[in-house]
């Protein structure tokens, strides 16, 4: 689980980090990345979209990408 670990990475450097992320996917069955940055969505195989209303978080949508 990676929680907001890419928050301090400038968007122009995210492409390099994305290549690293693609490589580590070969070593783990599941990787959970928690982020508010929409550019990171491109690295994922699936998305769990969480919404927050009145300080309560819930799953808004689950998106499975076809490989």
C-alpha atoms as a PDB file:
ATOM      1  CA  UNK A   1       0.000   0.000   0.000  1.00  0.00           C
ATOM      2  CA  UNK A   2       1.360   3.385  -1.025  1.00  0.00           C
ATOM      3  CA  UNK A   3      -0.505   6.324   0.488  1.00  0.00           C
ATOM      4  CA  UNK A   4       0.184   9.648  -1.250  1.00  0.00           C
ATOM      5  CA  UNK A   5       3.858   8.768  -1.806  1.00  0.00           C
ATOM      6  CA  UNK A   6       3.909  10.658  -5.113  1.00  0.00           C
ATOM      7  CA  UNK A   7       2.487  13.888  -3.702  1.00  0.00           C
ATOM      8  CA  UNK A   8       5.816  15.736  -3.751  1.00  0.00           C
ATOM      9  CA  UNK A   9       6.842  14.531  -7.216  1.00  0.00           C
ATOM     10  CA  UNK A  10       6.418  17.216  -9.874  1.00  0.00           C
ATOM     11  CA  UNK A  11       4.031  16.229 -12.675  1.00  0.00           C
ATOM     12  CA  UNK A  12       6.838  16.472 -15.242  1.00  0.00           C
ATOM     13  CA  UNK A  13       8.764  13.780 -13.312  1.00  0.00           C
ATOM     14  CA  UNK A  14       5.819  11.439 -12.877  1.00  0.00           C
ATOM     15  CA  UNK A  15       6.525   9.740 -16.216  1.00  0.00           C
ATOM     16  CA  UNK A  16       9.844   8.458 -14.823  1.00  0.00           C
ATOM     17  CA  UNK A  17       8.170   7.332 -11.616  1.00  0.00           C
ATOM     18  CA  UNK A  18       5.486   5.644 -13.715  1.00  0.00           C
ATOM     19  CA  UNK A  19       8.141   3.509 -15.426  1.00  0.00           C
ATOM     20  CA  UNK A  20       9.426   2.428 -12.005  1.00  0.00           C
ATOM     21  CA  UNK A  21       5.876   1.616 -10.926  1.00  0.00           C
ATOM     22  CA  UNK A  22       5.316  -0.563 -14.014  1.00  0.00           C
ATOM     23  CA  UNK A  23       8.469  -2.539 -13.165  1.00  0.00           C
ATOM     24  CA  UNK A  24       7.534  -3.222  -9.532  1.00  0.00           C
ATOM     25  CA  UNK A  25       4.141  -4.563 -10.651  1.00  0.00           C
ATOM     26  CA  UNK A  26       6.062  -7.661 -11.787  1.00  0.00           C
ATOM     27  CA  UNK A  27       7.012  -8.433  -8.169  1.00  0.00           C
ATOM     28  CA  UNK A  28       3.669  -8.041  -6.387  1.00  0.00           C
ATOM     29  CA  UNK A  29       0.262  -9.592  -6.923  1.00  0.00           C
ATOM     30  CA  UNK A  30      -1.529  -6.455  -5.704  1.00  0.00           C
ATOM     31  CA  UNK A  31      -0.372  -2.884  -5.207  1.00  0.00           C
ATOM     32  CA  UNK A  32      -2.691  -0.273  -3.738  1.00  0.00           C
ATOM     33  CA  UNK A  33      -1.817   3.326  -4.518  1.00  0.00           C
ATOM     34  CA  UNK A  34      -3.786   6.063  -2.804  1.00  0.00           C
ATOM     35  CA  UNK A  35      -3.549   9.394  -4.591  1.00  0.00           C
ATOM     36  CA  UNK A  36      -5.433  12.521  -5.554  1.00  0.00           C
ATOM     37  CA  UNK A  37      -3.283  13.007  -8.670  1.00  0.00           C
ATOM     38  CA  UNK A  38      -5.279  12.018 -11.792  1.00  0.00           C
ATOM     39  CA  UNK A  39      -2.082  11.345 -13.776  1.00  0.00           C
ATOM     40  CA  UNK A  40      -1.391   8.286 -11.627  1.00  0.00           C
ATOM     41  CA  UNK A  41      -4.629   6.660 -12.827  1.00  0.00           C
ATOM     42  CA  UNK A  42      -2.878   5.818 -16.101  1.00  0.00           C
ATOM     43  CA  UNK A  43      -0.613   3.338 -14.290  1.00  0.00           C
ATOM     44  CA  UNK A  44      -3.425   1.274 -12.822  1.00  0.00           C
ATOM     45  CA  UNK A  45      -5.102  -1.907 -13.917  1.00  0.00           C
ATOM     46  CA  UNK A  46      -8.164  -1.153 -11.778  1.00  0.00           C
ATOM     47  CA  UNK A  47      -9.486   1.868  -9.890  1.00  0.00           C
ATOM     48  CA  UNK A  48     -11.473   2.170  -6.700  1.00  0.00           C
ATOM     49  CA  UNK A  49     -12.911   5.678  -6.571  1.00  0.00           C
ATOM     50  CA  UNK A  50     -13.709   6.911  -3.074  1.00  0.00           C
ATOM     51  CA  UNK A  51     -15.960   9.868  -2.335  1.00  0.00           C
ATOM     52  CA  UNK A  52     -16.305  11.778   0.910  1.00  0.00           C
ATOM     53  CA  UNK A  53     -19.576  13.361   2.018  1.00  0.00           C
ATOM     54  CA  UNK A  54     -20.094  14.936   5.434  1.00  0.00           C
ATOM     55  CA  UNK A  55     -16.734  13.527   6.589  1.00  0.00           C
ATOM     56  CA  UNK A  56     -17.771   9.943   5.676  1.00  0.00           C
ATOM     57  CA  UNK A  57     -15.823   8.100   2.969  1.00  0.00           C
ATOM     58  CA  UNK A  58     -17.423   5.446   0.785  1.00  0.00           C
ATOM     59  CA  UNK A  59     -16.706   3.642  -2.472  1.00  0.00           C
ATOM     60  CA  UNK A  60     -18.169   5.662  -5.329  1.00  0.00           C
ATOM     61  CA  UNK A  61     -17.123   3.468  -8.249  1.00  0.00           C
ATOM     62  CA  UNK A  62     -14.957   0.482  -9.170  1.00  0.00           C
ATOM     63  CA  UNK A  63     -13.401   0.607 -12.623  1.00  0.00           C
ATOM     64  CA  UNK A  64     -11.855  -2.513 -14.122  1.00  0.00           C
ATOM     65  CA  UNK A  65      -9.711  -1.826 -17.148  1.00  0.00           C
ATOM     66  CA  UNK A  66      -9.657  -4.417 -19.912  1.00  0.00           C
ATOM     67  CA  UNK A  67      -6.112  -5.512 -20.698  1.00  0.00           C
END
